Amino acid sequence: PVSELDRALVEVYCNAFAQYKLCEREVNHDGVVVTSATG
């Protein structure tokens, strides 16, 4: 029963999904452990 009133919530969901995918790519690329600026 979603309506136009739920638009902001749908946007929040979609933006969080995009953020999740970005983070997933970065972790897959760089690994779970990375080297900090101090080495």
PDB file of all heavy atoms in Angstrom:
ATOM      1  N   PRO A   1       0.812  -1.224   0.000  1.00  0.00           N
ATOM      2  CA  PRO A   1       0.000   0.000   0.000  1.00  0.00           C
ATOM      3  C   PRO A   1       0.845   1.274   0.000  1.00  0.00           C
ATOM      4  O   PRO A   1       0.498   2.272   0.602  1.00  0.00           O
ATOM      5  CB  PRO A   1      -0.807  -0.132   1.299  1.00  0.00           C
ATOM      6  CG  PRO A   1       0.065  -0.923   2.203  1.00  0.00           C
ATOM      7  CD  PRO A   1       0.806  -1.875   1.295  1.00  0.00           C
ATOM      8  N   VAL A   2       1.977   1.267  -0.681  1.00  0.00           N
ATOM      9  CA  VAL A   2       2.851   2.437  -0.742  1.00  0.00           C
ATOM     10  C   VAL A   2       2.176   3.529  -1.560  1.00  0.00           C
ATOM     11  O   VAL A   2       1.402   3.251  -2.479  1.00  0.00           O
ATOM     12  CB  VAL A   2       4.234   2.050  -1.325  1.00  0.00           C
ATOM     13  CG1 VAL A   2       4.158   1.772  -2.804  1.00  0.00           C
ATOM     14  CG2 VAL A   2       5.269   3.113  -1.051  1.00  0.00           C
ATOM     15  N   SER A   3       2.434   4.779  -1.193  1.00  0.00           N
ATOM     16  CA  SER A   3       1.838   5.905  -1.914  1.00  0.00           C
ATOM     17  C   SER A   3       2.873   7.012  -2.090  1.00  0.00           C
ATOM     18  O   SER A   3       4.020   6.881  -1.658  1.00  0.00           O
ATOM     19  CB  SER A   3       0.629   6.443  -1.150  1.00  0.00           C
ATOM     20  OG  SER A   3       1.044   7.189  -0.028  1.00  0.00           O
ATOM     21  N   GLU A   4       2.453   8.108  -2.683  1.00  0.00           N
ATOM     22  CA  GLU A   4       3.321   9.278  -2.876  1.00  0.00           C
ATOM     23  C   GLU A   4       3.856   9.776  -1.535  1.00  0.00           C
ATOM     24  O   GLU A   4       4.947  10.338  -1.461  1.00  0.00           O
ATOM     25  CB  GLU A   4       2.543  10.377  -3.600  1.00  0.00           C
ATOM     26  CG  GLU A   4       3.325  11.647  -3.834  1.00  0.00           C
ATOM     27  CD  GLU A   4       4.516  11.487  -4.774  1.00  0.00           C
ATOM     28  OE1 GLU A   4       4.496  10.596  -5.644  1.00  0.00           O
ATOM     29  OE2 GLU A   4       5.479  12.269  -4.626  1.00  0.00           O
ATOM     30  N   LEU A   5       3.116   9.542  -0.464  1.00  0.00           N
ATOM     31  CA  LEU A   5       3.548   9.959   0.876  1.00  0.00           C
ATOM     32  C   LEU A   5       4.831   9.247   1.312  1.00  0.00           C
ATOM     33  O   LEU A   5       5.540   9.725   2.189  1.00  0.00           O
ATOM     34  CB  LEU A   5       2.443   9.676   1.901  1.00  0.00           C
ATOM     35  CG  LEU A   5       1.146  10.452   1.706  1.00  0.00           C
ATOM     36  CD1 LEU A   5       0.083   9.919   2.646  1.00  0.00           C
ATOM     37  CD2 LEU A   5       1.377  11.936   1.923  1.00  0.00           C
ATOM     38  N   ASP A   6       5.120   8.116   0.695  1.00  0.00           N
ATOM     39  CA  ASP A   6       6.290   7.317   1.060  1.00  0.00           C
ATOM     40  C   ASP A   6       7.517   7.622   0.208  1.00  0.00           C
ATOM     41  O   ASP A   6       8.538   6.952   0.333  1.00  0.00           O
ATOM     42  CB  ASP A   6       5.947   5.824   0.939  1.00  0.00           C
ATOM     43  CG  ASP A   6       4.786   5.446   1.813  1.00  0.00           C
ATOM     44  OD1 ASP A   6       4.832   5.745   3.013  1.00  0.00           O
ATOM     45  OD2 ASP A   6       3.824   4.846   1.290  1.00  0.00           O
ATOM     46  N   ARG A   7       7.428   8.645  -0.619  1.00  0.00           N
ATOM     47  CA  ARG A   7       8.517   8.945  -1.560  1.00  0.00           C
ATOM     48  C   ARG A   7       9.859   9.140  -0.857  1.00  0.00           C
ATOM     49  O   ARG A   7      10.879   8.570  -1.269  1.00  0.00           O
ATOM     50  CB  ARG A   7       8.171  10.188  -2.378  1.00  0.00           C
ATOM     51  CG  ARG A   7       9.262  10.542  -3.361  1.00  0.00           C
ATOM     52  CD  ARG A   7       8.980  11.870  -4.069  1.00  0.00           C
ATOM     53  NE  ARG A   7      10.107  12.207  -4.893  1.00  0.00           N
ATOM     54  CZ  ARG A   7      10.066  12.275  -6.206  1.00  0.00           C
ATOM     55  NH1 ARG A   7       8.945  12.051  -6.842  1.00  0.00           N
ATOM     56  NH2 ARG A   7      11.151  12.582  -6.880  1.00  0.00           N
ATOM     57  N   ALA A   8       9.890   9.915   0.206  1.00  0.00           N
ATOM     58  CA  ALA A   8      11.155  10.175   0.907  1.00  0.00           C
ATOM     59  C   ALA A   8      11.731   8.888   1.478  1.00  0.00           C
ATOM     60  O   ALA A   8      12.948   8.663   1.422  1.00  0.00           O
ATOM     61  CB  ALA A   8      10.956  11.211   2.009  1.00  0.00           C
ATOM     62  N   LEU A   9      10.865   8.027   2.007  1.00  0.00           N
ATOM     63  CA  LEU A   9      11.333   6.762   2.564  1.00  0.00           C
ATOM     64  C   LEU A   9      11.912   5.860   1.475  1.00  0.00           C
ATOM     65  O   LEU A   9      12.943   5.219   1.673  1.00  0.00           O
ATOM     66  CB  LEU A   9      10.181   6.057   3.292  1.00  0.00           C
ATOM     67  CG  LEU A   9      10.543   4.841   4.126  1.00  0.00           C
ATOM     68  CD1 LEU A   9      11.544   5.188   5.225  1.00  0.00           C
ATOM     69  CD2 LEU A   9       9.285   4.242   4.731  1.00  0.00           C
ATOM     70  N   VAL A  10      11.281   5.854   0.318  1.00  0.00           N
ATOM     71  CA  VAL A  10      11.797   5.077  -0.813  1.00  0.00           C
ATOM     72  C   VAL A  10      13.151   5.636  -1.247  1.00  0.00           C
ATOM     73  O   VAL A  10      14.087   4.887  -1.541  1.00  0.00           O
ATOM     74  CB  VAL A  10      10.800   5.046  -1.992  1.00  0.00           C
ATOM     75  CG1 VAL A  10      11.399   4.334  -3.197  1.00  0.00           C
ATOM     76  CG2 VAL A  10       9.495   4.380  -1.573  1.00  0.00           C
ATOM     77  N   GLU A  11      13.284   6.957  -1.265  1.00  0.00           N
ATOM     78  CA  GLU A  11      14.561   7.582  -1.620  1.00  0.00           C
ATOM     79  C   GLU A  11      15.651   7.207  -0.617  1.00  0.00           C
ATOM     80  O   GLU A  11      16.782   6.913  -1.012  1.00  0.00           O
ATOM     81  CB  GLU A  11      14.421   9.097  -1.680  1.00  0.00           C
ATOM     82  CG  GLU A  11      13.702   9.591  -2.906  1.00  0.00           C
ATOM     83  CD  GLU A  11      13.636  11.107  -2.962  1.00  0.00           C
ATOM     84  OE1 GLU A  11      14.601  11.781  -2.546  1.00  0.00           O
ATOM     85  OE2 GLU A  11      12.617  11.618  -3.453  1.00  0.00           O
ATOM     86  N   VAL A  12      15.311   7.225   0.671  1.00  0.00           N
ATOM     87  CA  VAL A  12      16.286   6.838   1.702  1.00  0.00           C
ATOM     88  C   VAL A  12      16.729   5.402   1.466  1.00  0.00           C
ATOM     89  O   VAL A  12      17.925   5.095   1.500  1.00  0.00           O
ATOM     90  CB  VAL A  12      15.700   7.010   3.124  1.00  0.00           C
ATOM     91  CG1 VAL A  12      16.578   6.348   4.171  1.00  0.00           C
ATOM     92  CG2 VAL A  12      15.516   8.486   3.438  1.00  0.00           C
ATOM     93  N   TYR A  13      15.777   4.519   1.211  1.00  0.00           N
ATOM     94  CA  TYR A  13      16.110   3.118   0.939  1.00  0.00           C
ATOM     95  C   TYR A  13      17.050   3.009  -0.271  1.00  0.00           C
ATOM     96  O   TYR A  13      18.073   2.330  -0.213  1.00  0.00           O
ATOM     97  CB  TYR A  13      14.837   2.292   0.700  1.00  0.00           C
ATOM     98  CG  TYR A  13      15.151   0.921   0.162  1.00  0.00           C
ATOM     99  CD1 TYR A  13      15.489  -0.112   1.015  1.00  0.00           C
ATOM    100  CD2 TYR A  13      15.152   0.667  -1.205  1.00  0.00           C
ATOM    101  CE1 TYR A  13      15.818  -1.365   0.525  1.00  0.00           C
ATOM    102  CE2 TYR A  13      15.478  -0.565  -1.710  1.00  0.00           C
ATOM    103  CZ  TYR A  13      15.807  -1.581  -0.843  1.00  0.00           C
ATOM    104  OH  TYR A  13      16.163  -2.813  -1.343  1.00  0.00           O
ATOM    105  N   CYS A  14      16.699   3.672  -1.355  1.00  0.00           N
ATOM    106  CA  CYS A  14      17.488   3.579  -2.589  1.00  0.00           C
ATOM    107  C   CYS A  14      18.892   4.158  -2.406  1.00  0.00           C
ATOM    108  O   CYS A  14      19.873   3.593  -2.899  1.00  0.00           O
ATOM    109  CB  CYS A  14      16.765   4.269  -3.736  1.00  0.00           C
ATOM    110  SG  CYS A  14      15.252   3.415  -4.230  1.00  0.00           S
ATOM    111  N   ASN A  15      19.000   5.281  -1.699  1.00  0.00           N
ATOM    112  CA  ASN A  15      20.321   5.867  -1.447  1.00  0.00           C
ATOM    113  C   ASN A  15      21.163   4.974  -0.538  1.00  0.00           C
ATOM    114  O   ASN A  15      22.372   4.829  -0.754  1.00  0.00           O
ATOM    115  CB  ASN A  15      20.184   7.266  -0.856  1.00  0.00           C
ATOM    116  CG  ASN A  15      19.798   8.282  -1.905  1.00  0.00           C
ATOM    117  OD1 ASN A  15      20.246   8.227  -3.040  1.00  0.00           O
ATOM    118  ND2 ASN A  15      18.947   9.214  -1.528  1.00  0.00           N
ATOM    119  N   ALA A  16      20.525   4.364   0.460  1.00  0.00           N
ATOM    120  CA  ALA A  16      21.258   3.439   1.334  1.00  0.00           C
ATOM    121  C   ALA A  16      21.715   2.224   0.537  1.00  0.00           C
ATOM    122  O   ALA A  16      22.831   1.723   0.741  1.00  0.00           O
ATOM    123  CB  ALA A  16      20.386   3.010   2.511  1.00  0.00           C
ATOM    124  N   PHE A  17      20.885   1.758  -0.387  1.00  0.00           N
ATOM    125  CA  PHE A  17      21.253   0.637  -1.228  1.00  0.00           C
ATOM    126  C   PHE A  17      22.471   0.981  -2.086  1.00  0.00           C
ATOM    127  O   PHE A  17      23.420   0.190  -2.192  1.00  0.00           O
ATOM    128  CB  PHE A  17      20.076   0.221  -2.119  1.00  0.00           C
ATOM    129  CG  PHE A  17      20.393  -0.919  -3.032  1.00  0.00           C
ATOM    130  CD1 PHE A  17      20.356  -2.223  -2.572  1.00  0.00           C
ATOM    131  CD2 PHE A  17      20.743  -0.687  -4.349  1.00  0.00           C
ATOM    132  CE1 PHE A  17      20.669  -3.280  -3.416  1.00  0.00           C
ATOM    133  CE2 PHE A  17      21.058  -1.730  -5.199  1.00  0.00           C
ATOM    134  CZ  PHE A  17      21.019  -3.037  -4.732  1.00  0.00           C
ATOM    135  N   ALA A  18      22.466   2.180  -2.673  1.00  0.00           N
ATOM    136  CA  ALA A  18      23.600   2.621  -3.492  1.00  0.00           C
ATOM    137  C   ALA A  18      24.870   2.736  -2.638  1.00  0.00           C
ATOM    138  O   ALA A  18      25.960   2.350  -3.081  1.00  0.00           O
ATOM    139  CB  ALA A  18      23.286   3.953  -4.163  1.00  0.00           C
ATOM    140  N   GLN A  19      24.737   3.249  -1.418  1.00  0.00           N
ATOM    141  CA  GLN A  19      25.882   3.368  -0.516  1.00  0.00           C
ATOM    142  C   GLN A  19      26.418   1.984  -0.156  1.00  0.00           C
ATOM    143  O   GLN A  19      27.624   1.761  -0.123  1.00  0.00           O
ATOM    144  CB  GLN A  19      25.491   4.135   0.757  1.00  0.00           C
ATOM    145  CG  GLN A  19      26.638   4.386   1.704  1.00  0.00           C
ATOM    146  CD  GLN A  19      27.690   5.321   1.139  1.00  0.00           C
ATOM    147  OE1 GLN A  19      27.429   6.082   0.216  1.00  0.00           O
ATOM    148  NE2 GLN A  19      28.878   5.264   1.695  1.00  0.00           N
ATOM    149  N   TYR A  20      25.522   1.058   0.107  1.00  0.00           N
ATOM    150  CA  TYR A  20      25.912  -0.317   0.411  1.00  0.00           C
ATOM    151  C   TYR A  20      26.712  -0.922  -0.752  1.00  0.00           C
ATOM    152  O   TYR A  20      27.758  -1.544  -0.544  1.00  0.00           O
ATOM    153  CB  TYR A  20      24.667  -1.165   0.698  1.00  0.00           C
ATOM    154  CG  TYR A  20      24.908  -2.642   0.602  1.00  0.00           C
ATOM    155  CD1 TYR A  20      25.594  -3.316   1.608  1.00  0.00           C
ATOM    156  CD2 TYR A  20      24.462  -3.367  -0.498  1.00  0.00           C
ATOM    157  CE1 TYR A  20      25.831  -4.679   1.506  1.00  0.00           C
ATOM    158  CE2 TYR A  20      24.694  -4.718  -0.599  1.00  0.00           C
ATOM    159  CZ  TYR A  20      25.375  -5.376   0.405  1.00  0.00           C
ATOM    160  OH  TYR A  20      25.618  -6.715   0.307  1.00  0.00           O
ATOM    161  N   LYS A  21      26.224  -0.739  -1.975  1.00  0.00           N
ATOM    162  CA  LYS A  21      26.921  -1.291  -3.143  1.00  0.00           C
ATOM    163  C   LYS A  21      28.300  -0.664  -3.313  1.00  0.00           C
ATOM    164  O   LYS A  21      29.262  -1.358  -3.640  1.00  0.00           O
ATOM    165  CB  LYS A  21      26.077  -1.096  -4.413  1.00  0.00           C
ATOM    166  CG  LYS A  21      24.770  -1.843  -4.408  1.00  0.00           C
ATOM    167  CD  LYS A  21      24.937  -3.329  -4.194  1.00  0.00           C
ATOM    168  CE  LYS A  21      25.270  -4.041  -5.472  1.00  0.00           C
ATOM    169  NZ  LYS A  21      25.389  -5.498  -5.309  1.00  0.00           N
ATOM    170  N   LEU A  22      28.422   0.656  -3.087  1.00  0.00           N
ATOM    171  CA  LEU A  22      29.716   1.326  -3.165  1.00  0.00           C
ATOM    172  C   LEU A  22      30.681   0.729  -2.143  1.00  0.00           C
ATOM    173  O   LEU A  22      31.823   0.390  -2.477  1.00  0.00           O
ATOM    174  CB  LEU A  22      29.557   2.822  -2.919  1.00  0.00           C
ATOM    175  CG  LEU A  22      30.861   3.591  -2.683  1.00  0.00           C
ATOM    176  CD1 LEU A  22      31.665   3.698  -3.965  1.00  0.00           C
ATOM    177  CD2 LEU A  22      30.576   4.959  -2.107  1.00  0.00           C
ATOM    178  N   CYS A  23      30.222   0.606  -0.913  1.00  0.00           N
ATOM    179  CA  CYS A  23      31.077   0.063   0.149  1.00  0.00           C
ATOM    180  C   CYS A  23      31.475  -1.377  -0.146  1.00  0.00           C
ATOM    181  O   CYS A  23      32.631  -1.764   0.063  1.00  0.00           O
ATOM    182  CB  CYS A  23      30.367   0.136   1.496  1.00  0.00           C
ATOM    183  SG  CYS A  23      30.093   1.818   2.072  1.00  0.00           S
ATOM    184  N   GLU A  24      30.537  -2.149  -0.643  1.00  0.00           N
ATOM    185  CA  GLU A  24      30.817  -3.536  -0.988  1.00  0.00           C
ATOM    186  C   GLU A  24      31.918  -3.623  -2.047  1.00  0.00           C
ATOM    187  O   GLU A  24      32.857  -4.424  -1.935  1.00  0.00           O
ATOM    188  CB  GLU A  24      29.531  -4.195  -1.498  1.00  0.00           C
ATOM    189  CG  GLU A  24      29.685  -5.655  -1.848  1.00  0.00           C
ATOM    190  CD  GLU A  24      28.390  -6.221  -2.384  1.00  0.00           C
ATOM    191  OE1 GLU A  24      27.783  -5.609  -3.295  1.00  0.00           O
ATOM    192  OE2 GLU A  24      27.991  -7.282  -1.893  1.00  0.00           O
ATOM    193  N   ARG A  25      31.828  -2.774  -3.074  1.00  0.00           N
ATOM    194  CA  ARG A  25      32.870  -2.755  -4.119  1.00  0.00           C
ATOM    195  C   ARG A  25      34.227  -2.386  -3.539  1.00  0.00           C
ATOM    196  O   ARG A  25      35.247  -2.998  -3.863  1.00  0.00           O
ATOM    197  CB  ARG A  25      32.495  -1.763  -5.221  1.00  0.00           C
ATOM    198  CG  ARG A  25      31.593  -2.303  -6.275  1.00  0.00           C
ATOM    199  CD  ARG A  25      31.508  -1.388  -7.492  1.00  0.00           C
ATOM    200  NE  ARG A  25      31.192  -0.011  -7.179  1.00  0.00           N
ATOM    201  CZ  ARG A  25      29.964   0.466  -7.022  1.00  0.00           C
ATOM    202  NH1 ARG A  25      28.926  -0.325  -7.145  1.00  0.00           N
ATOM    203  NH2 ARG A  25      29.763   1.736  -6.748  1.00  0.00           N
ATOM    204  N   GLU A  26      34.252  -1.363  -2.682  1.00  0.00           N
ATOM    205  CA  GLU A  26      35.511  -0.911  -2.090  1.00  0.00           C
ATOM    206  C   GLU A  26      36.146  -1.990  -1.219  1.00  0.00           C
ATOM    207  O   GLU A  26      37.359  -2.210  -1.278  1.00  0.00           O
ATOM    208  CB  GLU A  26      35.302   0.374  -1.286  1.00  0.00           C
ATOM    209  CG  GLU A  26      34.951   1.576  -2.119  1.00  0.00           C
ATOM    210  CD  GLU A  26      36.045   1.978  -3.095  1.00  0.00           C
ATOM    211  OE1 GLU A  26      37.236   1.843  -2.775  1.00  0.00           O
ATOM    212  OE2 GLU A  26      35.692   2.439  -4.199  1.00  0.00           O
ATOM    213  N   VAL A  27      35.328  -2.652  -0.414  1.00  0.00           N
ATOM    214  CA  VAL A  27      35.862  -3.720   0.451  1.00  0.00           C
ATOM    215  C   VAL A  27      36.330  -4.892  -0.409  1.00  0.00           C
ATOM    216  O   VAL A  27      37.392  -5.470  -0.147  1.00  0.00           O
ATOM    217  CB  VAL A  27      34.819  -4.165   1.494  1.00  0.00           C
ATOM    218  CG1 VAL A  27      35.282  -5.408   2.239  1.00  0.00           C
ATOM    219  CG2 VAL A  27      34.529  -3.030   2.476  1.00  0.00           C
ATOM    220  N   ASN A  28      35.578  -5.233  -1.430  1.00  0.00           N
ATOM    221  CA  ASN A  28      36.001  -6.322  -2.319  1.00  0.00           C
ATOM    222  C   ASN A  28      37.301  -5.972  -3.044  1.00  0.00           C
ATOM    223  O   ASN A  28      38.144  -6.844  -3.272  1.00  0.00           O
ATOM    224  CB  ASN A  28      34.912  -6.652  -3.332  1.00  0.00           C
ATOM    225  CG  ASN A  28      33.761  -7.396  -2.709  1.00  0.00           C
ATOM    226  OD1 ASN A  28      33.878  -8.003  -1.658  1.00  0.00           O
ATOM    227  ND2 ASN A  28      32.613  -7.331  -3.353  1.00  0.00           N
ATOM    228  N   HIS A  29      37.465  -4.700  -3.399  1.00  0.00           N
ATOM    229  CA  HIS A  29      38.663  -4.270  -4.118  1.00  0.00           C
ATOM    230  C   HIS A  29      39.886  -4.173  -3.201  1.00  0.00           C
ATOM    231  O   HIS A  29      40.968  -4.661  -3.529  1.00  0.00           O
ATOM    232  CB  HIS A  29      38.411  -2.920  -4.795  1.00  0.00           C
ATOM    233  CG  HIS A  29      39.590  -2.409  -5.556  1.00  0.00           C
ATOM    234  ND1 HIS A  29      40.495  -1.541  -5.016  1.00  0.00           N
ATOM    235  CD2 HIS A  29      40.009  -2.657  -6.830  1.00  0.00           C
ATOM    236  CE1 HIS A  29      41.431  -1.269  -5.904  1.00  0.00           C
ATOM    237  NE2 HIS A  29      41.148  -1.929  -7.023  1.00  0.00           N
ATOM    238  N   ASP A  30      39.704  -3.509  -2.041  1.00  0.00           N
ATOM    239  CA  ASP A  30      40.842  -3.226  -1.163  1.00  0.00           C
ATOM    240  C   ASP A  30      41.047  -4.251  -0.062  1.00  0.00           C
ATOM    241  O   ASP A  30      42.105  -4.275   0.562  1.00  0.00           O
ATOM    242  CB  ASP A  30      40.676  -1.841  -0.514  1.00  0.00           C
ATOM    243  CG  ASP A  30      40.669  -0.729  -1.543  1.00  0.00           C
ATOM    244  OD1 ASP A  30      41.242  -0.912  -2.635  1.00  0.00           O
ATOM    245  OD2 ASP A  30      40.075   0.332  -1.256  1.00  0.00           O
ATOM    246  N   GLY A  31      40.032  -5.045   0.217  1.00  0.00           N
ATOM    247  CA  GLY A  31      40.133  -6.039   1.275  1.00  0.00           C
ATOM    248  C   GLY A  31      39.604  -5.517   2.599  1.00  0.00           C
ATOM    249  O   GLY A  31      39.306  -4.336   2.766  1.00  0.00           O
ATOM    250  N   VAL A  32      39.517  -6.412   3.551  1.00  0.00           N
ATOM    251  CA  VAL A  32      38.990  -6.092   4.875  1.00  0.00           C
ATOM    252  C   VAL A  32      39.995  -5.263   5.664  1.00  0.00           C
ATOM    253  O   VAL A  32      39.630  -4.405   6.457  1.00  0.00           O
ATOM    254  CB  VAL A  32      38.625  -7.386   5.627  1.00  0.00           C
ATOM    255  CG1 VAL A  32      38.178  -7.103   7.046  1.00  0.00           C
ATOM    256  CG2 VAL A  32      37.549  -8.157   4.870  1.00  0.00           C
ATOM    257  N   VAL A  33      41.259  -5.500   5.424  1.00  0.00           N
ATOM    258  CA  VAL A  33      42.335  -4.770   6.103  1.00  0.00           C
ATOM    259  C   VAL A  33      43.059  -3.915   5.070  1.00  0.00           C
ATOM    260  O   VAL A  33      43.383  -4.383   3.978  1.00  0.00           O
ATOM    261  CB  VAL A  33      43.319  -5.741   6.782  1.00  0.00           C
ATOM    262  CG1 VAL A  33      44.467  -5.002   7.424  1.00  0.00           C
ATOM    263  CG2 VAL A  33      42.599  -6.609   7.808  1.00  0.00           C
ATOM    264  N   VAL A  34      43.276  -2.638   5.423  1.00  0.00           N
ATOM    265  CA  VAL A  34      43.983  -1.711   4.535  1.00  0.00           C
ATOM    266  C   VAL A  34      45.127  -1.064   5.302  1.00  0.00           C
ATOM    267  O   VAL A  34      45.198  -1.138   6.527  1.00  0.00           O
ATOM    268  CB  VAL A  34      43.029  -0.621   3.972  1.00  0.00           C
ATOM    269  CG1 VAL A  34      41.968  -1.246   3.088  1.00  0.00           C
ATOM    270  CG2 VAL A  34      42.402   0.187   5.079  1.00  0.00           C
ATOM    271  N   THR A  35      45.995  -0.409   4.579  1.00  0.00           N
ATOM    272  CA  THR A  35      47.117   0.302   5.202  1.00  0.00           C
ATOM    273  C   THR A  35      46.720   1.755   5.402  1.00  0.00           C
ATOM    274  O   THR A  35      46.285   2.430   4.462  1.00  0.00           O
ATOM    275  CB  THR A  35      48.372   0.208   4.312  1.00  0.00           C
ATOM    276  OG1 THR A  35      48.650  -1.166   4.062  1.00  0.00           O
ATOM    277  CG2 THR A  35      49.567   0.855   4.983  1.00  0.00           C
ATOM    278  N   SER A  36      46.865   2.229   6.629  1.00  0.00           N
ATOM    279  CA  SER A  36      46.504   3.615   6.944  1.00  0.00           C
ATOM    280  C   SER A  36      47.579   4.568   6.433  1.00  0.00           C
ATOM    281  O   SER A  36      48.634   4.142   5.944  1.00  0.00           O
ATOM    282  CB  SER A  36      46.335   3.788   8.455  1.00  0.00           C
ATOM    283  OG  SER A  36      47.595   3.744   9.090  1.00  0.00           O
ATOM    284  N   ALA A  37      47.330   5.862   6.584  1.00  0.00           N
ATOM    285  CA  ALA A  37      48.282   6.889   6.160  1.00  0.00           C
ATOM    286  C   ALA A  37      49.596   6.783   6.921  1.00  0.00           C
ATOM    287  O   ALA A  37      50.651   7.176   6.415  1.00  0.00           O
ATOM    288  CB  ALA A  37      47.676   8.276   6.351  1.00  0.00           C
ATOM    289  N   THR A  38      49.538   6.229   8.136  1.00  0.00           N
ATOM    290  CA  THR A  38      50.758   6.079   8.941  1.00  0.00           C
ATOM    291  C   THR A  38      51.474   4.765   8.670  1.00  0.00           C
ATOM    292  O   THR A  38      52.509   4.501   9.266  1.00  0.00           O
ATOM    293  CB  THR A  38      50.426   6.169  10.446  1.00  0.00           C
ATOM    294  OG1 THR A  38      49.522   5.106  10.779  1.00  0.00           O
ATOM    295  CG2 THR A  38      49.822   7.518  10.794  1.00  0.00           C
ATOM    296  N   GLY A  39      50.903   3.935   7.779  1.00  0.00           N
ATOM    297  CA  GLY A  39      51.551   2.686   7.414  1.00  0.00           C
ATOM    298  C   GLY A  39      51.117   1.487   8.241  1.00  0.00           C
ATOM    299  O   GLY A  39      51.634   0.384   8.038  1.00  0.00           O
TER     300      GLY A  39
END
